[in-house]
C-alpha cells in the first residue's frame, strides 16, 4: 500500500553534506507495489537556497517488481548558503498523487 509504506520512493542518499555552490546529485528509488505495470513521474520541488537544475523524470516498472529501481533524474542542487536545507519531490502515477512525498536533507558547509 503506497499510502502507508513511506519507503517505496525514498531519496538516495537521504542526507548529504555539500560545499556552498557545489552541485549535489540525488536520485529517487521507486518500488512498484501494484499488480500492474506503472509509470511513475518524479517532480523535484523548489526549496529556499536550492536551485533545481533537473526536470521531472518518468520511469515505468513492471508489476510487483522485486527490488528497487532508480529514477535518476539528475537531482542536482546548487546550494549557495551554509546551513541545512530540505528538498522534496512529488511522485505521481495513474490515480495516485503524492505531494512532497520523498525528502532529503542537505547540510551545506563553507
PDB file of N, CA and C in Angstrom:
ATOM      1  N   UNK A   1       0.843  -1.165   0.000  1.00  0.00           N
ATOM      2  CA  UNK A   1       0.000   0.000   0.000  1.00  0.00           C
ATOM      3  C   UNK A   1       0.896   1.237   0.000  1.00  0.00           C
ATOM      4  N   UNK A   2       0.756   2.052  -1.014  1.00  0.00           N
ATOM      5  CA  UNK A   2       1.611   3.223  -1.167  1.00  0.00           C
ATOM      6  C   UNK A   2       1.433   4.244  -0.045  1.00  0.00           C
ATOM      7  N   UNK A   3       0.224   4.378   0.457  1.00  0.00           N
ATOM      8  CA  UNK A   3      -0.053   5.395   1.464  1.00  0.00           C
ATOM      9  C   UNK A   3       0.549   5.125   2.826  1.00  0.00           C
ATOM     10  N   UNK A   4       0.841   3.857   3.133  1.00  0.00           N
ATOM     11  CA  UNK A   4       1.388   3.553   4.460  1.00  0.00           C
ATOM     12  C   UNK A   4       2.841   3.110   4.426  1.00  0.00           C
ATOM     13  N   UNK A   5       3.388   2.825   3.240  1.00  0.00           N
ATOM     14  CA  UNK A   5       4.791   2.433   3.129  1.00  0.00           C
ATOM     15  C   UNK A   5       5.603   3.633   2.683  1.00  0.00           C
ATOM     16  N   UNK A   6       6.220   4.326   3.611  1.00  0.00           N
ATOM     17  CA  UNK A   6       6.959   5.542   3.266  1.00  0.00           C
ATOM     18  C   UNK A   6       8.258   5.263   2.526  1.00  0.00           C
ATOM     19  N   UNK A   7       8.676   4.002   2.460  1.00  0.00           N
ATOM     20  CA  UNK A   7       9.952   3.674   1.834  1.00  0.00           C
ATOM     21  C   UNK A   7       9.841   3.169   0.397  1.00  0.00           C
ATOM     22  N   UNK A   8       8.680   3.268  -0.235  1.00  0.00           N
ATOM     23  CA  UNK A   8       8.570   2.806  -1.622  1.00  0.00           C
ATOM     24  C   UNK A   8       9.182   3.809  -2.596  1.00  0.00           C
ATOM     25  N   UNK A   9       9.439   5.033  -2.147  1.00  0.00           N
ATOM     26  CA  UNK A   9      10.036   6.045  -3.030  1.00  0.00           C
ATOM     27  C   UNK A   9      10.911   7.005  -2.224  1.00  0.00           C
ATOM     28  N   UNK A  10      12.053   6.539  -1.716  1.00  0.00           N
ATOM     29  CA  UNK A  10      12.929   7.438  -0.959  1.00  0.00           C
ATOM     30  C   UNK A  10      14.001   8.089  -1.840  1.00  0.00           C
ATOM     31  N   UNK A  11      14.474   9.249  -1.405  1.00  0.00           N
ATOM     32  CA  UNK A  11      15.672   9.830  -1.998  1.00  0.00           C
ATOM     33  C   UNK A  11      16.868   8.985  -1.589  1.00  0.00           C
ATOM     34  N   UNK A  12      17.860   8.939  -2.449  1.00  0.00           N
ATOM     35  CA  UNK A  12      19.126   8.296  -2.099  1.00  0.00           C
ATOM     36  C   UNK A  12      20.259   9.172  -2.601  1.00  0.00           C
ATOM     37  N   UNK A  13      21.184   9.545  -1.762  1.00  0.00           N
ATOM     38  CA  UNK A  13      21.133   9.323  -0.322  1.00  0.00           C
ATOM     39  C   UNK A  13      20.094  10.234   0.330  1.00  0.00           C
ATOM     40  N   UNK A  14      19.685   9.858   1.523  1.00  0.00           N
ATOM     41  CA  UNK A  14      18.657  10.614   2.247  1.00  0.00           C
ATOM     42  C   UNK A  14      19.236  11.885   2.851  1.00  0.00           C
ATOM     43  N   UNK A  15      20.506  11.853   3.181  1.00  0.00           N
ATOM     44  CA  UNK A  15      21.196  13.020   3.710  1.00  0.00           C
ATOM     45  C   UNK A  15      22.574  13.119   3.093  1.00  0.00           C
ATOM     46  N   UNK A  16      23.021  14.347   2.850  1.00  0.00           N
ATOM     47  CA  UNK A  16      24.313  14.534   2.214  1.00  0.00           C
ATOM     48  C   UNK A  16      24.913  15.855   2.673  1.00  0.00           C
ATOM     49  N   UNK A  17      26.240  15.885   2.758  1.00  0.00           N
ATOM     50  CA  UNK A  17      26.946  17.127   3.062  1.00  0.00           C
ATOM     51  C   UNK A  17      27.490  17.686   1.752  1.00  0.00           C
ATOM     52  N   UNK A  18      27.477  18.997   1.613  1.00  0.00           N
ATOM     53  CA  UNK A  18      27.960  19.643   0.392  1.00  0.00           C
ATOM     54  C   UNK A  18      28.647  20.944   0.747  1.00  0.00           C
ATOM     55  N   UNK A  19      29.460  21.419  -0.166  1.00  0.00           N
ATOM     56  CA  UNK A  19      30.096  22.717  -0.028  1.00  0.00           C
ATOM     57  C   UNK A  19      29.213  23.748  -0.721  1.00  0.00           C
ATOM     58  N   UNK A  20      29.106  24.949  -0.143  1.00  0.00           N
ATOM     59  CA  UNK A  20      28.297  26.003  -0.745  1.00  0.00           C
ATOM     60  C   UNK A  20      28.703  26.198  -2.204  1.00  0.00           C
ATOM     61  N   UNK A  21      27.732  26.217  -3.100  1.00  0.00           N
ATOM     62  CA  UNK A  21      27.981  26.401  -4.521  1.00  0.00           C
ATOM     63  C   UNK A  21      28.252  25.116  -5.285  1.00  0.00           C
ATOM     64  N   UNK A  22      28.351  23.991  -4.576  1.00  0.00           N
ATOM     65  CA  UNK A  22      28.646  22.699  -5.196  1.00  0.00           C
ATOM     66  C   UNK A  22      27.355  21.974  -5.577  1.00  0.00           C
ATOM     67  N   UNK A  23      27.251  21.473  -6.812  1.00  0.00           N
ATOM     68  CA  UNK A  23      26.060  20.687  -7.171  1.00  0.00           C
ATOM     69  C   UNK A  23      26.041  19.361  -6.417  1.00  0.00           C
ATOM     70  N   UNK A  24      24.864  18.868  -6.105  1.00  0.00           N
ATOM     71  CA  UNK A  24      24.682  17.605  -5.396  1.00  0.00           C
ATOM     72  C   UNK A  24      23.764  16.716  -6.229  1.00  0.00           C
ATOM     73  N   UNK A  25      24.180  15.493  -6.476  1.00  0.00           N
ATOM     74  CA  UNK A  25      23.354  14.540  -7.220  1.00  0.00           C
ATOM     75  C   UNK A  25      22.611  13.632  -6.254  1.00  0.00           C
ATOM     76  N   UNK A  26      21.305  13.516  -6.452  1.00  0.00           N
ATOM     77  CA  UNK A  26      20.466  12.604  -5.688  1.00  0.00           C
ATOM     78  C   UNK A  26      19.618  11.813  -6.678  1.00  0.00           C
ATOM     79  N   UNK A  27      18.978  10.764  -6.193  1.00  0.00           N
ATOM     80  CA  UNK A  27      18.026  10.032  -7.020  1.00  0.00           C
ATOM     81  C   UNK A  27      16.866   9.602  -6.149  1.00  0.00           C
ATOM     82  N   UNK A  28      15.757   9.269  -6.776  1.00  0.00           N
ATOM     83  CA  UNK A  28      14.611   8.706  -6.080  1.00  0.00           C
ATOM     84  C   UNK A  28      14.481   7.269  -6.550  1.00  0.00           C
ATOM     85  N   UNK A  29      14.432   6.344  -5.605  1.00  0.00           N
ATOM     86  CA  UNK A  29      14.317   4.925  -5.925  1.00  0.00           C
ATOM     87  C   UNK A  29      12.872   4.487  -5.716  1.00  0.00           C
ATOM     88  N   UNK A  30      12.316   3.856  -6.732  1.00  0.00           N
ATOM     89  CA  UNK A  30      10.891   3.518  -6.743  1.00  0.00           C
ATOM     90  C   UNK A  30      10.706   2.009  -6.668  1.00  0.00           C
ATOM     91  N   UNK A  31       9.751   1.567  -5.871  1.00  0.00           N
ATOM     92  CA  UNK A  31       9.351   0.163  -5.813  1.00  0.00           C
ATOM     93  C   UNK A  31       7.875   0.099  -6.190  1.00  0.00           C
ATOM     94  N   UNK A  32       7.532  -0.657  -7.229  1.00  0.00           N
ATOM     95  CA  UNK A  32       6.144  -0.777  -7.683  1.00  0.00           C
ATOM     96  C   UNK A  32       5.424  -1.860  -6.886  1.00  0.00           C
ATOM     97  N   UNK A  33       4.502  -1.456  -6.008  1.00  0.00           N
ATOM     98  CA  UNK A  33       3.703  -2.397  -5.209  1.00  0.00           C
ATOM     99  C   UNK A  33       2.559  -2.997  -6.016  1.00  0.00           C
ATOM    100  N   UNK A  34       2.200  -2.400  -7.128  1.00  0.00           N
ATOM    101  CA  UNK A  34       0.977  -2.735  -7.856  1.00  0.00           C
ATOM    102  C   UNK A  34       1.049  -4.065  -8.605  1.00  0.00           C
ATOM    103  N   UNK A  35      -0.122  -4.669  -8.868  1.00  0.00           N
ATOM    104  CA  UNK A  35      -0.170  -5.887  -9.679  1.00  0.00           C
ATOM    105  C   UNK A  35      -0.151  -5.575 -11.182  1.00  0.00           C
ATOM    106  N   UNK A  36       0.037  -4.303 -11.533  1.00  0.00           N
ATOM    107  CA  UNK A  36       0.103  -3.876 -12.933  1.00  0.00           C
ATOM    108  C   UNK A  36       1.360  -3.034 -13.140  1.00  0.00           C
ATOM    109  N   UNK A  37       1.785  -2.924 -14.397  1.00  0.00           N
ATOM    110  CA  UNK A  37       2.900  -2.031 -14.702  1.00  0.00           C
ATOM    111  C   UNK A  37       2.438  -0.599 -14.464  1.00  0.00           C
ATOM    112  N   UNK A  38       3.334   0.216 -13.952  1.00  0.00           N
ATOM    113  CA  UNK A  38       3.011   1.618 -13.678  1.00  0.00           C
ATOM    114  C   UNK A  38       4.138   2.504 -14.147  1.00  0.00           C
ATOM    115  N   UNK A  39       3.746   3.677 -14.620  1.00  0.00           N
ATOM    116  CA  UNK A  39       4.715   4.725 -14.912  1.00  0.00           C
ATOM    117  C   UNK A  39       4.643   5.725 -13.775  1.00  0.00           C
ATOM    118  N   UNK A  40       5.782   6.018 -13.189  1.00  0.00           N
ATOM    119  CA  UNK A  40       5.875   6.969 -12.094  1.00  0.00           C
ATOM    120  C   UNK A  40       6.566   8.226 -12.592  1.00  0.00           C
ATOM    121  N   UNK A  41       6.042   9.368 -12.217  1.00  0.00           N
ATOM    122  CA  UNK A  41       6.656  10.656 -12.554  1.00  0.00           C
ATOM    123  C   UNK A  41       7.184  11.269 -11.268  1.00  0.00           C
ATOM    124  N   UNK A  42       8.439  11.658 -11.276  1.00  0.00           N
ATOM    125  CA  UNK A  42       9.094  12.266 -10.119  1.00  0.00           C
ATOM    126  C   UNK A  42       9.370  13.726 -10.454  1.00  0.00           C
ATOM    127  N   UNK A  43       8.808  14.628  -9.652  1.00  0.00           N
ATOM    128  CA  UNK A  43       8.966  16.065  -9.879  1.00  0.00           C
ATOM    129  C   UNK A  43       9.634  16.705  -8.674  1.00  0.00           C
ATOM    130  N   UNK A  44      10.874  17.161  -8.822  1.00  0.00           N
ATOM    131  CA  UNK A  44      11.536  17.830  -7.697  1.00  0.00           C
ATOM    132  C   UNK A  44      10.871  19.171  -7.427  1.00  0.00           C
ATOM    133  N   UNK A  45      10.799  19.546  -6.139  1.00  0.00           N
ATOM    134  CA  UNK A  45      10.157  20.807  -5.746  1.00  0.00           C
ATOM    135  C   UNK A  45      11.218  21.815  -5.325  1.00  0.00           C
ATOM    136  N   UNK A  46      11.005  23.037  -5.756  1.00  0.00           N
ATOM    137  CA  UNK A  46      11.922  24.126  -5.419  1.00  0.00           C
ATOM    138  C   UNK A  46      11.939  24.353  -3.910  1.00  0.00           C
ATOM    139  N   UNK A  47      13.099  24.670  -3.380  1.00  0.00           N
ATOM    140  CA  UNK A  47      13.255  24.916  -1.953  1.00  0.00           C
ATOM    141  C   UNK A  47      14.163  26.123  -1.768  1.00  0.00           C
ATOM    142  N   UNK A  48      13.949  26.870  -0.710  1.00  0.00           N
ATOM    143  CA  UNK A  48      14.773  28.052  -0.442  1.00  0.00           C
ATOM    144  C   UNK A  48      16.246  27.664  -0.335  1.00  0.00           C
ATOM    145  N   UNK A  49      17.095  28.353  -1.074  1.00  0.00           N
ATOM    146  CA  UNK A  49      18.525  28.102  -1.024  1.00  0.00           C
ATOM    147  C   UNK A  49      19.001  27.011  -1.968  1.00  0.00           C
ATOM    148  N   UNK A  50      18.086  26.404  -2.704  1.00  0.00           N
ATOM    149  CA  UNK A  50      18.441  25.318  -3.614  1.00  0.00           C
ATOM    150  C   UNK A  50      17.883  25.623  -4.996  1.00  0.00           C
ATOM    151  N   UNK A  51      18.727  25.573  -5.999  1.00  0.00           N
ATOM    152  CA  UNK A  51      18.278  25.703  -7.380  1.00  0.00           C
ATOM    153  C   UNK A  51      18.132  24.307  -7.965  1.00  0.00           C
ATOM    154  N   UNK A  52      16.930  23.956  -8.384  1.00  0.00           N
ATOM    155  CA  UNK A  52      16.700  22.657  -9.007  1.00  0.00           C
ATOM    156  C   UNK A  52      17.104  22.772 -10.466  1.00  0.00           C
ATOM    157  N   UNK A  53      18.070  21.987 -10.878  1.00  0.00           N
ATOM    158  CA  UNK A  53      18.575  22.042 -12.241  1.00  0.00           C
ATOM    159  C   UNK A  53      17.976  20.967 -13.131  1.00  0.00           C
ATOM    160  N   UNK A  54      17.212  20.030 -12.553  1.00  0.00           N
ATOM    161  CA  UNK A  54      16.661  18.933 -13.340  1.00  0.00           C
ATOM    162  C   UNK A  54      15.178  19.141 -13.626  1.00  0.00           C
ATOM    163  N   UNK A  55      14.695  18.407 -14.584  1.00  0.00           N
ATOM    164  CA  UNK A  55      13.289  18.413 -14.986  1.00  0.00           C
ATOM    165  C   UNK A  55      12.617  17.175 -14.395  1.00  0.00           C
ATOM    166  N   UNK A  56      11.275  17.141 -14.387  1.00  0.00           N
ATOM    167  CA  UNK A  56      10.604  15.918 -13.949  1.00  0.00           C
ATOM    168  C   UNK A  56      11.060  14.721 -14.792  1.00  0.00           C
ATOM    169  N   UNK A  57      11.088  13.548 -14.174  1.00  0.00           N
ATOM    170  CA  UNK A  57      11.524  12.326 -14.863  1.00  0.00           C
ATOM    171  C   UNK A  57      10.480  11.239 -14.665  1.00  0.00           C
ATOM    172  N   UNK A  58      10.400  10.323 -15.618  1.00  0.00           N
ATOM    173  CA  UNK A  58       9.466   9.203 -15.533  1.00  0.00           C
ATOM    174  C   UNK A  58      10.205   7.880 -15.643  1.00  0.00           C
ATOM    175  N   UNK A  59       9.636   6.870 -14.984  1.00  0.00           N
ATOM    176  CA  UNK A  59      10.140   5.501 -15.110  1.00  0.00           C
ATOM    177  C   UNK A  59       8.934   4.569 -15.092  1.00  0.00           C
ATOM    178  N   UNK A  60       8.963   3.534 -15.924  1.00  0.00           N
ATOM    179  CA  UNK A  60       7.912   2.520 -15.946  1.00  0.00           C
ATOM    180  C   UNK A  60       8.468   1.248 -15.335  1.00  0.00           C
ATOM    181  N   UNK A  61       7.734   0.721 -14.363  1.00  0.00           N
ATOM    182  CA  UNK A  61       8.143  -0.501 -13.669  1.00  0.00           C
ATOM    183  C   UNK A  61       7.091  -1.579 -13.861  1.00  0.00           C
ATOM    184  N   UNK A  62       7.517  -2.797 -13.978  1.00  0.00           N
ATOM    185  CA  UNK A  62       6.626  -3.941 -14.156  1.00  0.00           C
ATOM    186  C   UNK A  62       5.904  -4.259 -12.845  1.00  0.00           C
ATOM    187  N   UNK A  63       4.810  -5.057 -12.922  1.00  0.00           N
ATOM    188  CA  UNK A  63       4.032  -5.382 -11.731  1.00  0.00           C
ATOM    189  C   UNK A  63       4.871  -6.026 -10.636  1.00  0.00           C
ATOM    190  N   UNK A  64       4.682  -5.548  -9.439  1.00  0.00           N
ATOM    191  CA  UNK A  64       5.319  -6.116  -8.246  1.00  0.00           C
ATOM    192  C   UNK A  64       6.788  -6.451  -8.477  1.00  0.00           C
ATOM    193  N   UNK A  65       7.441  -5.575  -9.198  1.00  0.00           N
ATOM    194  CA  UNK A  65       8.863  -5.789  -9.496  1.00  0.00           C
ATOM    195  C   UNK A  65       9.628  -5.957  -8.196  1.00  0.00           C
ATOM    196  N   UNK A  66      10.433  -6.998  -8.127  1.00  0.00           N
ATOM    197  CA  UNK A  66      11.202  -7.226  -6.906  1.00  0.00           C
ATOM    198  C   UNK A  66      12.394  -6.273  -6.883  1.00  0.00           C
ATOM    199  N   UNK A  67      12.703  -5.808  -5.706  1.00  0.00           N
ATOM    200  CA  UNK A  67      13.805  -4.872  -5.547  1.00  0.00           C
ATOM    201  C   UNK A  67      13.407  -3.463  -5.927  1.00  0.00           C
ATOM    202  N   UNK A  68      14.390  -2.612  -5.954  1.00  0.00           N
ATOM    203  CA  UNK A  68      14.167  -1.199  -6.214  1.00  0.00           C
ATOM    204  C   UNK A  68      14.732  -0.820  -7.573  1.00  0.00           C
ATOM    205  N   UNK A  69      14.070   0.103  -8.231  1.00  0.00           N
ATOM    206  CA  UNK A  69      14.568   0.669  -9.481  1.00  0.00           C
ATOM    207  C   UNK A  69      14.836   2.137  -9.250  1.00  0.00           C
ATOM    208  N   UNK A  70      15.897   2.615  -9.832  1.00  0.00           N
ATOM    209  CA  UNK A  70      16.282   4.007  -9.617  1.00  0.00           C
ATOM    210  C   UNK A  70      15.689   4.918 -10.674  1.00  0.00           C
ATOM    211  N   UNK A  71      15.205   6.050 -10.249  1.00  0.00           N
ATOM    212  CA  UNK A  71      14.854   7.133 -11.155  1.00  0.00           C
ATOM    213  C   UNK A  71      15.986   8.124 -11.008  1.00  0.00           C
ATOM    214  N   UNK A  72      16.888   8.133 -11.944  1.00  0.00           N
ATOM    215  CA  UNK A  72      17.987   9.077 -11.868  1.00  0.00           C
ATOM    216  C   UNK A  72      17.600  10.291 -12.670  1.00  0.00           C
ATOM    217  N   UNK A  73      17.024  11.243 -11.991  1.00  0.00           N
ATOM    218  CA  UNK A  73      16.523  12.446 -12.636  1.00  0.00           C
ATOM    219  C   UNK A  73      17.543  13.568 -12.586  1.00  0.00           C
ATOM    220  N   UNK A  74      18.769  13.225 -12.299  1.00  0.00           N
ATOM    221  CA  UNK A  74      19.820  14.236 -12.143  1.00  0.00           C
ATOM    222  C   UNK A  74      19.358  15.320 -11.178  1.00  0.00           C
ATOM    223  N   UNK A  75      19.000  14.917  -9.998  1.00  0.00           N
ATOM    224  CA  UNK A  75      18.552  15.858  -8.981  1.00  0.00           C
ATOM    225  C   UNK A  75      19.738  16.644  -8.484  1.00  0.00           C
ATOM    226  N   UNK A  76      20.142  17.619  -9.256  1.00  0.00           N
ATOM    227  CA  UNK A  76      21.305  18.423  -8.902  1.00  0.00           C
ATOM    228  C   UNK A  76      20.815  19.707  -8.248  1.00  0.00           C
ATOM    229  N   UNK A  77      21.362  19.979  -7.094  1.00  0.00           N
ATOM    230  CA  UNK A  77      21.003  21.178  -6.360  1.00  0.00           C
ATOM    231  C   UNK A  77      22.227  22.045  -6.232  1.00  0.00           C
ATOM    232  N   UNK A  78      22.098  23.283  -6.483  1.00  0.00           N
ATOM    233  CA  UNK A  78      23.202  24.206  -6.289  1.00  0.00           C
ATOM    234  C   UNK A  78      22.908  24.967  -5.006  1.00  0.00           C
ATOM    235  N   UNK A  79      23.617  24.619  -3.964  1.00  0.00           N
ATOM    236  CA  UNK A  79      23.384  25.202  -2.655  1.00  0.00           C
ATOM    237  C   UNK A  79      24.372  26.341  -2.456  1.00  0.00           C
ATOM    238  N   UNK A  80      23.864  27.527  -2.155  1.00  0.00           N
ATOM    239  CA  UNK A  80      24.739  28.694  -2.099  1.00  0.00           C
ATOM    240  C   UNK A  80      24.957  29.249  -0.700  1.00  0.00           C
ATOM    241  N   UNK A  81      24.155  28.858   0.270  1.00  0.00           N
ATOM    242  CA  UNK A  81      24.286  29.385   1.623  1.00  0.00           C
ATOM    243  C   UNK A  81      24.579  28.257   2.612  1.00  0.00           C
ATOM    244  N   UNK A  82      25.503  28.477   3.568  1.00  0.00           N
ATOM    245  CA  UNK A  82      25.739  27.463   4.604  1.00  0.00           C
ATOM    246  C   UNK A  82      24.477  27.234   5.432  1.00  0.00           C
ATOM    247  N   UNK A  83      24.324  26.023   5.953  1.00  0.00           N
ATOM    248  CA  UNK A  83      23.165  25.672   6.768  1.00  0.00           C
ATOM    249  C   UNK A  83      22.592  24.340   6.332  1.00  0.00           C
ATOM    250  N   UNK A  84      21.378  24.065   6.752  1.00  0.00           N
ATOM    251  CA  UNK A  84      20.707  22.818   6.415  1.00  0.00           C
ATOM    252  C   UNK A  84      19.484  23.120   5.564  1.00  0.00           C
ATOM    253  N   UNK A  85      19.341  22.395   4.455  1.00  0.00           N
ATOM    254  CA  UNK A  85      18.217  22.566   3.538  1.00  0.00           C
ATOM    255  C   UNK A  85      17.502  21.234   3.379  1.00  0.00           C
ATOM    256  N   UNK A  86      16.213  21.305   3.125  1.00  0.00           N
ATOM    257  CA  UNK A  86      15.443  20.107   2.802  1.00  0.00           C
ATOM    258  C   UNK A  86      14.982  20.210   1.358  1.00  0.00           C
ATOM    259  N   UNK A  87      14.951  19.088   0.690  1.00  0.00           N
ATOM    260  CA  UNK A  87      14.426  19.039  -0.672  1.00  0.00           C
ATOM    261  C   UNK A  87      13.364  17.952  -0.719  1.00  0.00           C
ATOM    262  N   UNK A  88      12.311  18.172  -1.490  1.00  0.00           N
ATOM    263  CA  UNK A  88      11.249  17.186  -1.624  1.00  0.00           C
ATOM    264  C   UNK A  88      10.971  16.926  -3.101  1.00  0.00           C
ATOM    265  N   UNK A  89      10.236  15.848  -3.346  1.00  0.00           N
ATOM    266  CA  UNK A  89       9.816  15.528  -4.710  1.00  0.00           C
ATOM    267  C   UNK A  89       8.398  14.978  -4.668  1.00  0.00           C
ATOM    268  N   UNK A  90       7.596  15.371  -5.650  1.00  0.00           N
ATOM    269  CA  UNK A  90       6.265  14.804  -5.826  1.00  0.00           C
ATOM    270  C   UNK A  90       6.416  13.508  -6.607  1.00  0.00           C
ATOM    271  N   UNK A  91       5.579  12.523  -6.280  1.00  0.00           N
ATOM    272  CA  UNK A  91       5.552  11.265  -7.021  1.00  0.00           C
ATOM    273  C   UNK A  91       4.120  11.079  -7.521  1.00  0.00           C
ATOM    274  N   UNK A  92       3.974  10.905  -8.828  1.00  0.00           N
ATOM    275  CA  UNK A  92       2.659  10.717  -9.440  1.00  0.00           C
ATOM    276  C   UNK A  92       2.638   9.450 -10.270  1.00  0.00           C
ATOM    277  N   UNK A  93       1.490   8.788 -10.272  1.00  0.00           N
ATOM    278  CA  UNK A  93       1.224   7.665 -11.151  1.00  0.00           C
ATOM    279  C   UNK A  93      -0.282   7.668 -11.373  1.00  0.00           C
ATOM    280  N   UNK A  94      -0.763   6.931 -12.340  1.00  0.00           N
ATOM    281  CA  UNK A  94      -2.175   6.945 -12.685  1.00  0.00           C
ATOM    282  C   UNK A  94      -3.063   6.809 -11.452  1.00  0.00           C
ATOM    283  N   UNK A  95      -3.799   7.867 -11.118  1.00  0.00           N
ATOM    284  CA  UNK A  95      -4.707   7.856  -9.983  1.00  0.00           C
ATOM    285  C   UNK A  95      -4.054   8.075  -8.629  1.00  0.00           C
ATOM    286  N   UNK A  96      -2.752   8.279  -8.596  1.00  0.00           N
ATOM    287  CA  UNK A  96      -2.048   8.493  -7.326  1.00  0.00           C
ATOM    288  C   UNK A  96      -1.216   9.762  -7.422  1.00  0.00           C
ATOM    289  N   UNK A  97      -1.359  10.617  -6.414  1.00  0.00           N
ATOM    290  CA  UNK A  97      -0.615  11.875  -6.393  1.00  0.00           C
ATOM    291  C   UNK A  97      -0.092  12.094  -4.971  1.00  0.00           C
ATOM    292  N   UNK A  98       1.207  11.997  -4.815  1.00  0.00           N
ATOM    293  CA  UNK A  98       1.837  12.161  -3.513  1.00  0.00           C
ATOM    294  C   UNK A  98       2.703  13.418  -3.554  1.00  0.00           C
ATOM    295  N   UNK A  99       2.201  14.489  -2.942  1.00  0.00           N
ATOM    296  CA  UNK A  99       2.913  15.764  -2.953  1.00  0.00           C
ATOM    297  C   UNK A  99       4.008  15.772  -1.895  1.00  0.00           C
ATOM    298  N   UNK A 100       5.201  16.211  -2.292  1.00  0.00           N
ATOM    299  CA  UNK A 100       6.354  16.276  -1.390  1.00  0.00           C
ATOM    300  C   UNK A 100       6.578  14.956  -0.657  1.00  0.00           C
ATOM    301  N   UNK A 101       6.388  13.839  -1.337  1.00  0.00           N
ATOM    302  CA  UNK A 101       6.473  12.519  -0.709  1.00  0.00           C
ATOM    303  C   UNK A 101       7.903  12.162  -0.317  1.00  0.00           C
ATOM    304  N   UNK A 102       8.820  12.282  -1.243  1.00  0.00           N
ATOM    305  CA  UNK A 102      10.213  11.956  -0.957  1.00  0.00           C
ATOM    306  C   UNK A 102      10.907  13.191  -0.405  1.00  0.00           C
ATOM    307  N   UNK A 103      11.815  12.983   0.547  1.00  0.00           N
ATOM    308  CA  UNK A 103      12.542  14.127   1.085  1.00  0.00           C
ATOM    309  C   UNK A 103      13.983  13.740   1.401  1.00  0.00           C
ATOM    310  N   UNK A 104      14.835  14.736   1.343  1.00  0.00           N
ATOM    311  CA  UNK A 104      16.244  14.555   1.677  1.00  0.00           C
ATOM    312  C   UNK A 104      16.742  15.826   2.344  1.00  0.00           C
ATOM    313  N   UNK A 105      17.832  15.700   3.091  1.00  0.00           N
ATOM    314  CA  UNK A 105      18.419  16.825   3.800  1.00  0.00           C
ATOM    315  C   UNK A 105      19.827  17.057   3.256  1.00  0.00           C
ATOM    316  N   UNK A 106      20.125  18.307   2.970  1.00  0.00           N
ATOM    317  CA  UNK A 106      21.462  18.688   2.508  1.00  0.00           C
ATOM    318  C   UNK A 106      22.062  19.615   3.549  1.00  0.00           C
ATOM    319  N   UNK A 107      23.208  19.202   4.107  1.00  0.00           N
ATOM    320  CA  UNK A 107      23.934  20.039   5.066  1.00  0.00           C
ATOM    321  C   UNK A 107      25.027  20.776   4.289  1.00  0.00           C
ATOM    322  N   UNK A 108      24.917  22.090   4.256  1.00  0.00           N
ATOM    323  CA  UNK A 108      25.836  22.901   3.470  1.00  0.00           C
ATOM    324  C   UNK A 108      26.908  23.480   4.365  1.00  0.00           C
ATOM    325  N   UNK A 109      28.152  23.268   3.955  1.00  0.00           N
ATOM    326  CA  UNK A 109      29.295  23.765   4.716  1.00  0.00           C
ATOM    327  C   UNK A 109      30.014  24.822   3.893  1.00  0.00           C
ATOM    328  N   UNK A 110      30.771  25.673   4.533  1.00  0.00           N
ATOM    329  CA  UNK A 110      31.566  26.675   3.811  1.00  0.00           C
ATOM    330  C   UNK A 110      32.684  26.043   3.055  1.00  0.00           C
TER     331      UNK A 110
END
